[in-house]
PDB file of N, CA and C in Angstrom:
ATOM      1  N   MET A   1      70.869 103.868 153.846  1.00  0.00           N
ATOM      2  CA  MET A   1      70.865 105.304 154.025  1.00  0.00           C
ATOM      3  C   MET A   1      69.446 105.864 153.972  1.00  0.00           C
ATOM      4  N   LEU A   2      68.682 105.475 152.955  1.00  0.00           N
ATOM      5  CA  LEU A   2      67.336 106.038 152.812  1.00  0.00           C
ATOM      6  C   LEU A   2      66.278 105.159 153.477  1.00  0.00           C
ATOM      7  N   ASP A   3      66.622 104.595 154.626  1.00  0.00           N
ATOM      8  CA  ASP A   3      65.651 103.765 155.324  1.00  0.00           C
ATOM      9  C   ASP A   3      64.773 104.571 156.272  1.00  0.00           C
ATOM     10  N   GLN A   4      65.049 105.854 156.419  1.00  0.00           N
ATOM     11  CA  GLN A   4      64.253 106.727 157.274  1.00  0.00           C
ATOM     12  C   GLN A   4      63.217 107.473 156.430  1.00  0.00           C
ATOM     13  N   PRO A   5      61.965 107.522 156.876  1.00  0.00           N
ATOM     14  CA  PRO A   5      60.928 108.218 156.096  1.00  0.00           C
ATOM     15  C   PRO A   5      61.267 109.685 155.829  1.00  0.00           C
ATOM     16  N   TRP A   6      61.894 110.358 156.790  1.00  0.00           N
ATOM     17  CA  TRP A   6      62.207 111.779 156.589  1.00  0.00           C
ATOM     18  C   TRP A   6      63.250 111.962 155.487  1.00  0.00           C
ATOM     19  N   LEU A   7      64.129 110.970 155.269  1.00  0.00           N
ATOM     20  CA  LEU A   7      65.101 111.071 154.175  1.00  0.00           C
ATOM     21  C   LEU A   7      64.404 110.989 152.821  1.00  0.00           C
ATOM     22  N   TRP A   8      63.393 110.143 152.735  1.00  0.00           N
ATOM     23  CA  TRP A   8      62.633 110.054 151.486  1.00  0.00           C
ATOM     24  C   TRP A   8      61.864 111.347 151.224  1.00  0.00           C
ATOM     25  N   LEU A   9      61.286 111.908 152.287  1.00  0.00           N
ATOM     26  CA  LEU A   9      60.598 113.192 152.132  1.00  0.00           C
ATOM     27  C   LEU A   9      61.575 114.283 151.709  1.00  0.00           C
ATOM     28  N   ALA A  10      62.763 114.289 152.301  1.00  0.00           N
ATOM     29  CA  ALA A  10      63.780 115.277 151.926  1.00  0.00           C
ATOM     30  C   ALA A  10      64.163 115.107 150.457  1.00  0.00           C
ATOM     31  N   LEU A  11      64.297 113.857 150.003  1.00  0.00           N
ATOM     32  CA  LEU A  11      64.603 113.606 148.593  1.00  0.00           C
ATOM     33  C   LEU A  11      63.478 114.124 147.697  1.00  0.00           C
ATOM     34  N   GLY A  12      62.245 113.851 148.074  1.00  0.00           N
ATOM     35  CA  GLY A  12      61.104 114.340 147.301  1.00  0.00           C
ATOM     36  C   GLY A  12      61.050 115.855 147.234  1.00  0.00           C
ATOM     37  N   PHE A  13      61.266 116.509 148.362  1.00  0.00           N
ATOM     38  CA  PHE A  13      61.264 117.968 148.380  1.00  0.00           C
ATOM     39  C   PHE A  13      62.441 118.540 147.594  1.00  0.00           C
ATOM     40  N   ALA A  14      63.594 117.883 147.664  1.00  0.00           N
ATOM     41  CA  ALA A  14      64.765 118.340 146.903  1.00  0.00           C
ATOM     42  C   ALA A  14      64.491 118.232 145.409  1.00  0.00           C
ATOM     43  N   GLY A  15      63.883 117.135 144.993  1.00  0.00           N
ATOM     44  CA  GLY A  15      63.527 116.974 143.584  1.00  0.00           C
ATOM     45  C   GLY A  15      62.549 118.035 143.130  1.00  0.00           C
ATOM     46  N   GLN A  16      61.568 118.321 143.959  1.00  0.00           N
ATOM     47  CA  GLN A  16      60.592 119.351 143.613  1.00  0.00           C
ATOM     48  C   GLN A  16      61.239 120.724 143.556  1.00  0.00           C
ATOM     49  N   ALA A  17      62.180 120.982 144.454  1.00  0.00           N
ATOM     50  CA  ALA A  17      62.896 122.265 144.437  1.00  0.00           C
ATOM     51  C   ALA A  17      63.719 122.412 143.158  1.00  0.00           C
ATOM     52  N   LEU A  18      64.421 121.349 142.766  1.00  0.00           N
ATOM     53  CA  LEU A  18      65.185 121.388 141.514  1.00  0.00           C
ATOM     54  C   LEU A  18      64.262 121.628 140.328  1.00  0.00           C
ATOM     55  N   PHE A  19      63.163 120.907 140.308  1.00  0.00           N
ATOM     56  CA  PHE A  19      62.220 121.017 139.202  1.00  0.00           C
ATOM     57  C   PHE A  19      61.616 122.417 139.135  1.00  0.00           C
ATOM     58  N   SER A  20      61.299 122.985 140.281  1.00  0.00           N
ATOM     59  CA  SER A  20      60.726 124.327 140.321  1.00  0.00           C
ATOM     60  C   SER A  20      61.751 125.393 139.966  1.00  0.00           C
ATOM     61  N   ALA A  21      62.997 125.156 140.314  1.00  0.00           N
ATOM     62  CA  ALA A  21      64.057 126.130 140.043  1.00  0.00           C
ATOM     63  C   ALA A  21      64.218 126.395 138.549  1.00  0.00           C
ATOM     64  N   ARG A  22      63.836 125.447 137.727  1.00  0.00           N
ATOM     65  CA  ARG A  22      63.970 125.639 136.280  1.00  0.00           C
ATOM     66  C   ARG A  22      63.154 126.848 135.815  1.00  0.00           C
ATOM     67  N   PHE A  23      62.010 127.072 136.409  1.00  0.00           N
ATOM     68  CA  PHE A  23      61.189 128.215 136.020  1.00  0.00           C
ATOM     69  C   PHE A  23      61.808 129.527 136.488  1.00  0.00           C
ATOM     70  N   LEU A  24      62.417 129.512 137.659  1.00  0.00           N
ATOM     71  CA  LEU A  24      63.107 130.714 138.132  1.00  0.00           C
ATOM     72  C   LEU A  24      64.286 131.047 137.225  1.00  0.00           C
ATOM     73  N   VAL A  25      65.024 130.031 136.802  1.00  0.00           N
ATOM     74  CA  VAL A  25      66.162 130.227 135.891  1.00  0.00           C
ATOM     75  C   VAL A  25      65.674 130.788 134.556  1.00  0.00           C
ATOM     76  N   GLN A  26      64.610 130.205 134.036  1.00  0.00           N
ATOM     77  CA  GLN A  26      64.062 130.664 132.747  1.00  0.00           C
ATOM     78  C   GLN A  26      63.572 132.100 132.859  1.00  0.00           C
ATOM     79  N   TRP A  27      62.882 132.416 133.922  1.00  0.00           N
ATOM     80  CA  TRP A  27      62.367 133.766 134.126  1.00  0.00           C
ATOM     81  C   TRP A  27      63.516 134.762 134.237  1.00  0.00           C
ATOM     82  N   TRP A  28      64.546 134.435 135.010  1.00  0.00           N
ATOM     83  CA  TRP A  28      65.682 135.321 135.214  1.00  0.00           C
ATOM     84  C   TRP A  28      66.396 135.592 133.884  1.00  0.00           C
ATOM     85  N   HIS A  29      66.646 134.551 133.107  1.00  0.00           N
ATOM     86  CA  HIS A  29      67.311 134.743 131.812  1.00  0.00           C
ATOM     87  C   HIS A  29      66.452 135.580 130.865  1.00  0.00           C
ATOM     88  N   SER A  30      65.162 135.333 130.861  1.00  0.00           N
ATOM     89  CA  SER A  30      64.264 136.100 129.994  1.00  0.00           C
ATOM     90  C   SER A  30      64.216 137.563 130.399  1.00  0.00           C
ATOM     91  N   GLU A  31      64.147 137.823 131.682  1.00  0.00           N
ATOM     92  CA  GLU A  31      64.133 139.214 132.157  1.00  0.00           C
ATOM     93  C   GLU A  31      65.418 139.933 131.765  1.00  0.00           C
ATOM     94  N   ARG A  32      66.541 139.271 131.920  1.00  0.00           N
ATOM     95  CA  ARG A  32      67.826 139.884 131.562  1.00  0.00           C
ATOM     96  C   ARG A  32      67.906 140.174 130.071  1.00  0.00           C
ATOM     97  N   ALA A  33      67.356 139.287 129.251  1.00  0.00           N
ATOM     98  CA  ALA A  33      67.432 139.456 127.799  1.00  0.00           C
ATOM     99  C   ALA A  33      66.317 140.346 127.258  1.00  0.00           C
ATOM    100  N   GLY A  34      65.265 140.529 128.038  1.00  0.00           N
ATOM    101  CA  GLY A  34      64.130 141.322 127.565  1.00  0.00           C
ATOM    102  C   GLY A  34      63.277 140.585 126.545  1.00  0.00           C
ATOM    103  N   ARG A  35      63.422 139.258 126.510  1.00  0.00           N
ATOM    104  CA  ARG A  35      62.612 138.415 125.618  1.00  0.00           C
ATOM    105  C   ARG A  35      62.561 137.014 126.208  1.00  0.00           C
ATOM    106  N   SER A  36      61.647 136.220 125.734  1.00  0.00           N
ATOM    107  CA  SER A  36      61.494 134.868 126.263  1.00  0.00           C
ATOM    108  C   SER A  36      62.641 133.972 125.796  1.00  0.00           C
ATOM    109  N   LEU A  37      63.318 133.350 126.756  1.00  0.00           N
ATOM    110  CA  LEU A  37      64.418 132.437 126.470  1.00  0.00           C
ATOM    111  C   LEU A  37      64.252 131.158 127.272  1.00  0.00           C
ATOM    112  N   VAL A  38      64.776 130.069 126.735  1.00  0.00           N
ATOM    113  CA  VAL A  38      64.861 128.816 127.481  1.00  0.00           C
ATOM    114  C   VAL A  38      66.348 128.464 127.537  1.00  0.00           C
ATOM    115  N   PRO A  39      67.017 128.831 128.642  1.00  0.00           N
ATOM    116  CA  PRO A  39      68.459 128.599 128.734  1.00  0.00           C
ATOM    117  C   PRO A  39      68.783 127.115 128.937  1.00  0.00           C
ATOM    118  N   LEU A  40      70.013 126.756 128.683  1.00  0.00           N
ATOM    119  CA  LEU A  40      70.479 125.386 128.855  1.00  0.00           C
ATOM    120  C   LEU A  40      70.243 124.898 130.282  1.00  0.00           C
ATOM    121  N   ALA A  41      70.433 125.773 131.253  1.00  0.00           N
ATOM    122  CA  ALA A  41      70.235 125.396 132.659  1.00  0.00           C
ATOM    123  C   ALA A  41      68.809 124.917 132.919  1.00  0.00           C
ATOM    124  N   PHE A  42      67.841 125.439 132.175  1.00  0.00           N
ATOM    125  CA  PHE A  42      66.452 125.006 132.319  1.00  0.00           C
ATOM    126  C   PHE A  42      66.346 123.500 132.124  1.00  0.00           C
ATOM    127  N   TRP A  43      67.017 122.996 131.081  1.00  0.00           N
ATOM    128  CA  TRP A  43      66.936 121.567 130.776  1.00  0.00           C
ATOM    129  C   TRP A  43      67.689 120.731 131.791  1.00  0.00           C
ATOM    130  N   TYR A  44      68.800 121.248 132.313  1.00  0.00           N
ATOM    131  CA  TYR A  44      69.522 120.517 133.353  1.00  0.00           C
ATOM    132  C   TYR A  44      68.726 120.456 134.655  1.00  0.00           C
ATOM    133  N   PHE A  45      68.107 121.558 135.040  1.00  0.00           N
ATOM    134  CA  PHE A  45      67.257 121.534 136.236  1.00  0.00           C
ATOM    135  C   PHE A  45      66.056 120.613 136.025  1.00  0.00           C
ATOM    136  N   SER A  46      65.484 120.630 134.830  1.00  0.00           N
ATOM    137  CA  SER A  46      64.364 119.741 134.516  1.00  0.00           C
ATOM    138  C   SER A  46      64.775 118.285 134.667  1.00  0.00           C
ATOM    139  N   LEU A  47      65.923 117.948 134.085  1.00  0.00           N
ATOM    140  CA  LEU A  47      66.395 116.565 134.131  1.00  0.00           C
ATOM    141  C   LEU A  47      66.743 116.142 135.559  1.00  0.00           C
ATOM    142  N   ALA A  48      67.488 116.976 136.280  1.00  0.00           N
ATOM    143  CA  ALA A  48      67.868 116.628 137.652  1.00  0.00           C
ATOM    144  C   ALA A  48      66.637 116.501 138.555  1.00  0.00           C
ATOM    145  N   GLY A  49      65.727 117.447 138.442  1.00  0.00           N
ATOM    146  CA  GLY A  49      64.504 117.380 139.241  1.00  0.00           C
ATOM    147  C   GLY A  49      63.635 116.206 138.845  1.00  0.00           C
ATOM    148  N   GLY A  50      63.528 115.963 137.539  1.00  0.00           N
ATOM    149  CA  GLY A  50      62.711 114.849 137.052  1.00  0.00           C
ATOM    150  C   GLY A  50      63.238 113.498 137.499  1.00  0.00           C
ATOM    151  N   ILE A  51      64.546 113.311 137.433  1.00  0.00           N
ATOM    152  CA  ILE A  51      65.130 112.037 137.863  1.00  0.00           C
ATOM    153  C   ILE A  51      64.975 111.854 139.368  1.00  0.00           C
ATOM    154  N   THR A  52      65.200 112.925 140.117  1.00  0.00           N
ATOM    155  CA  THR A  52      65.042 112.848 141.574  1.00  0.00           C
ATOM    156  C   THR A  52      63.594 112.526 141.937  1.00  0.00           C
ATOM    157  N   LEU A  53      62.657 113.179 141.280  1.00  0.00           N
ATOM    158  CA  LEU A  53      61.240 112.896 141.544  1.00  0.00           C
ATOM    159  C   LEU A  53      60.844 111.502 141.069  1.00  0.00           C
ATOM    160  N   PHE A  54      61.464 111.025 139.993  1.00  0.00           N
ATOM    161  CA  PHE A  54      61.202 109.665 139.519  1.00  0.00           C
ATOM    162  C   PHE A  54      61.620 108.645 140.582  1.00  0.00           C
ATOM    163  N   ILE A  55      62.788 108.853 141.169  1.00  0.00           N
ATOM    164  CA  ILE A  55      63.259 107.951 142.235  1.00  0.00           C
ATOM    165  C   ILE A  55      62.296 107.982 143.418  1.00  0.00           C
ATOM    166  N   TYR A  56      61.853 109.172 143.778  1.00  0.00           N
ATOM    167  CA  TYR A  56      60.886 109.306 144.866  1.00  0.00           C
ATOM    168  C   TYR A  56      59.567 108.610 144.501  1.00  0.00           C
ATOM    169  N   ALA A  57      59.127 108.786 143.266  1.00  0.00           N
ATOM    170  CA  ALA A  57      57.877 108.153 142.822  1.00  0.00           C
ATOM    171  C   ALA A  57      57.983 106.633 142.872  1.00  0.00           C
ATOM    172  N   LEU A  58      59.139 106.096 142.497  1.00  0.00           N
ATOM    173  CA  LEU A  58      59.347 104.650 142.605  1.00  0.00           C
ATOM    174  C   LEU A  58      59.212 104.199 144.057  1.00  0.00           C
ATOM    175  N   HIS A  59      59.790 104.976 144.953  1.00  0.00           N
ATOM    176  CA  HIS A  59      59.728 104.622 146.372  1.00  0.00           C
ATOM    177  C   HIS A  59      58.298 104.603 146.881  1.00  0.00           C
ATOM    178  N   ILE A  60      57.515 105.609 146.532  1.00  0.00           N
ATOM    179  CA  ILE A  60      56.134 105.646 147.049  1.00  0.00           C
ATOM    180  C   ILE A  60      55.201 104.767 146.234  1.00  0.00           C
ATOM    181  N   GLY A  61      55.668 104.309 145.065  1.00  0.00           N
ATOM    182  CA  GLY A  61      54.880 103.371 144.267  1.00  0.00           C
ATOM    183  C   GLY A  61      53.689 103.978 143.557  1.00  0.00           C
ATOM    184  N   ASP A  62      53.790 105.225 143.149  1.00  0.00           N
ATOM    185  CA  ASP A  62      52.691 105.902 142.465  1.00  0.00           C
ATOM    186  C   ASP A  62      52.876 105.768 140.958  1.00  0.00           C
ATOM    187  N   PRO A  63      52.072 104.922 140.276  1.00  0.00           N
ATOM    188  CA  PRO A  63      52.276 104.682 138.847  1.00  0.00           C
ATOM    189  C   PRO A  63      52.061 105.915 137.968  1.00  0.00           C
ATOM    190  N   VAL A  64      51.165 106.798 138.360  1.00  0.00           N
ATOM    191  CA  VAL A  64      50.934 108.021 137.580  1.00  0.00           C
ATOM    192  C   VAL A  64      52.161 108.921 137.658  1.00  0.00           C
ATOM    193  N   PHE A  65      52.674 109.094 138.838  1.00  0.00           N
ATOM    194  CA  PHE A  65      53.860 109.904 139.092  1.00  0.00           C
ATOM    195  C   PHE A  65      55.088 109.282 138.402  1.00  0.00           C
ATOM    196  N   ILE A  66      55.214 107.963 138.487  1.00  0.00           N
ATOM    197  CA  ILE A  66      56.332 107.252 137.843  1.00  0.00           C
ATOM    198  C   ILE A  66      56.303 107.472 136.341  1.00  0.00           C
ATOM    199  N   LEU A  67      55.148 107.280 135.719  1.00  0.00           N
ATOM    200  CA  LEU A  67      55.026 107.454 134.268  1.00  0.00           C
ATOM    201  C   LEU A  67      55.331 108.889 133.866  1.00  0.00           C
ATOM    202  N   GLY A  68      54.753 109.842 134.567  1.00  0.00           N
ATOM    203  CA  GLY A  68      54.959 111.252 134.229  1.00  0.00           C
ATOM    204  C   GLY A  68      56.414 111.664 134.314  1.00  0.00           C
ATOM    205  N   GLN A  69      57.098 111.256 135.367  1.00  0.00           N
ATOM    206  CA  GLN A  69      58.496 111.659 135.537  1.00  0.00           C
ATOM    207  C   GLN A  69      59.428 110.895 134.599  1.00  0.00           C
ATOM    208  N   SER A  70      59.100 109.650 134.281  1.00  0.00           N
ATOM    209  CA  SER A  70      59.970 108.903 133.365  1.00  0.00           C
ATOM    210  C   SER A  70      59.882 109.460 131.952  1.00  0.00           C
ATOM    211  N   VAL A  71      58.699 109.782 131.499  1.00  0.00           N
ATOM    212  CA  VAL A  71      58.536 110.368 130.166  1.00  0.00           C
ATOM    213  C   VAL A  71      59.187 111.747 130.124  1.00  0.00           C
ATOM    214  N   GLY A  72      58.995 112.521 131.181  1.00  0.00           N
ATOM    215  CA  GLY A  72      59.616 113.843 131.246  1.00  0.00           C
ATOM    216  C   GLY A  72      61.128 113.762 131.141  1.00  0.00           C
ATOM    217  N   ALA A  73      61.738 112.830 131.867  1.00  0.00           N
ATOM    218  CA  ALA A  73      63.200 112.691 131.835  1.00  0.00           C
ATOM    219  C   ALA A  73      63.686 112.354 130.427  1.00  0.00           C
ATOM    220  N   LEU A  74      62.934 111.547 129.706  1.00  0.00           N
ATOM    221  CA  LEU A  74      63.308 111.236 128.318  1.00  0.00           C
ATOM    222  C   LEU A  74      63.247 112.494 127.445  1.00  0.00           C
ATOM    223  N   ILE A  75      62.226 113.295 127.632  1.00  0.00           N
ATOM    224  CA  ILE A  75      62.068 114.521 126.842  1.00  0.00           C
ATOM    225  C   ILE A  75      63.179 115.516 127.164  1.00  0.00           C
ATOM    226  N   TYR A  76      63.508 115.685 128.439  1.00  0.00           N
ATOM    227  CA  TYR A  76      64.576 116.629 128.812  1.00  0.00           C
ATOM    228  C   TYR A  76      65.919 116.164 128.257  1.00  0.00           C
ATOM    229  N   SER A  77      66.163 114.859 128.331  1.00  0.00           N
ATOM    230  CA  SER A  77      67.405 114.311 127.773  1.00  0.00           C
ATOM    231  C   SER A  77      67.470 114.528 126.271  1.00  0.00           C
ATOM    232  N   ARG A  78      66.366 114.325 125.609  1.00  0.00           N
ATOM    233  CA  ARG A  78      66.327 114.494 124.151  1.00  0.00           C
ATOM    234  C   ARG A  78      66.576 115.961 123.773  1.00  0.00           C
ATOM    235  N   ASN A  79      66.011 116.885 124.519  1.00  0.00           N
ATOM    236  CA  ASN A  79      66.259 118.300 124.251  1.00  0.00           C
ATOM    237  C   ASN A  79      67.726 118.649 124.436  1.00  0.00           C
ATOM    238  N   LEU A  80      68.352 118.120 125.476  1.00  0.00           N
ATOM    239  CA  LEU A  80      69.786 118.357 125.665  1.00  0.00           C
ATOM    240  C   LEU A  80      70.589 117.769 124.511  1.00  0.00           C
ATOM    241  N   TYR A  81      70.196 116.594 124.036  1.00  0.00           N
ATOM    242  CA  TYR A  81      70.859 115.993 122.877  1.00  0.00           C
ATOM    243  C   TYR A  81      70.764 116.922 121.667  1.00  0.00           C
ATOM    244  N   PHE A  82      69.575 117.441 121.388  1.00  0.00           N
ATOM    245  CA  PHE A  82      69.390 118.343 120.244  1.00  0.00           C
ATOM    246  C   PHE A  82      70.245 119.601 120.378  1.00  0.00           C
ATOM    247  N   ILE A  83      70.290 120.151 121.580  1.00  0.00           N
ATOM    248  CA  ILE A  83      71.081 121.365 121.810  1.00  0.00           C
ATOM    249  C   ILE A  83      72.551 121.105 121.532  1.00  0.00           C
ATOM    250  N   TYR A  84      73.088 120.021 122.070  1.00  0.00           N
ATOM    251  CA  TYR A  84      74.516 119.740 121.873  1.00  0.00           C
ATOM    252  C   TYR A  84      74.823 119.314 120.439  1.00  0.00           C
ATOM    253  N   ARG A  85      73.896 118.633 119.800  1.00  0.00           N
ATOM    254  CA  ARG A  85      74.090 118.274 118.392  1.00  0.00           C
ATOM    255  C   ARG A  85      74.164 119.531 117.533  1.00  0.00           C
ATOM    256  N   GLU A  86      73.292 120.485 117.799  1.00  0.00           N
ATOM    257  CA  GLU A  86      73.295 121.744 117.058  1.00  0.00           C
ATOM    258  C   GLU A  86      74.579 122.540 117.317  1.00  0.00           C
ATOM    259  N   ARG A  87      75.028 122.552 118.554  1.00  0.00           N
ATOM    260  CA  ARG A  87      76.271 123.261 118.876  1.00  0.00           C
ATOM    261  C   ARG A  87      77.463 122.633 118.148  1.00  0.00           C
ATOM    262  N   ARG A  88      77.511 121.305 118.088  1.00  0.00           N
ATOM    263  CA  ARG A  88      78.599 120.633 117.359  1.00  0.00           C
ATOM    264  C   ARG A  88      78.536 120.954 115.871  1.00  0.00           C
ATOM    265  N   ARG A  89      77.306 120.972 115.350  1.00  0.00           N
ATOM    266  CA  ARG A  89      77.140 121.275 113.930  1.00  0.00           C
ATOM    267  C   ARG A  89      77.605 122.691 113.633  1.00  0.00           C
ATOM    268  N   LEU A  90      77.222 123.644 114.468  1.00  0.00           N
ATOM    269  CA  LEU A  90      77.625 125.039 114.257  1.00  0.00           C
ATOM    270  C   LEU A  90      79.124 125.228 114.452  1.00  0.00           C
ATOM    271  N   ALA A  91      79.708 124.522 115.407  1.00  0.00           N
ATOM    272  CA  ALA A  91      81.152 124.632 115.630  1.00  0.00           C
ATOM    273  C   ALA A  91      81.936 124.077 114.447  1.00  0.00           C
ATOM    274  N   GLY A  92      81.395 123.079 113.786  1.00  0.00           N
ATOM    275  CA  GLY A  92      82.061 122.506 112.628  1.00  0.00           C
ATOM    276  C   GLY A  92      81.942 123.349 111.376  1.00  0.00           C
ATOM    277  N   SER A  93      80.949 124.238 111.325  1.00  0.00           N
ATOM    278  CA  SER A  93      80.740 125.059 110.138  1.00  0.00           C
ATOM    279  C   SER A  93      81.480 126.402 110.203  1.00  0.00           C
ATOM    280  N   GLU A  94      82.135 126.658 111.325  1.00  0.00           N
ATOM    281  CA  GLU A  94      82.835 127.946 111.457  1.00  0.00           C
ATOM    282  C   GLU A  94      84.232 127.895 110.900  1.00  0.00           C
TER     283      GLU A  94
END
């Protein structure tokens, strides 16, 4: 399926769009609340964009890009873990 160069470029651009969308989501939520917020969707867009860009980086063979996106994906996953752990803890204390 991804044997065409334009498909790889489309994947790279899609990953970048997902990754960039996280800032639009964060900005929109903050504007609505009238204060700075980092919504859950921010971390999902970060993770989806980071993984997509990681796959693209593997394809182009860029070690700097590969390292940056792999570490980022671990951080986004860890933040989601903390968020859900806290939600479970709060749900159990009610």
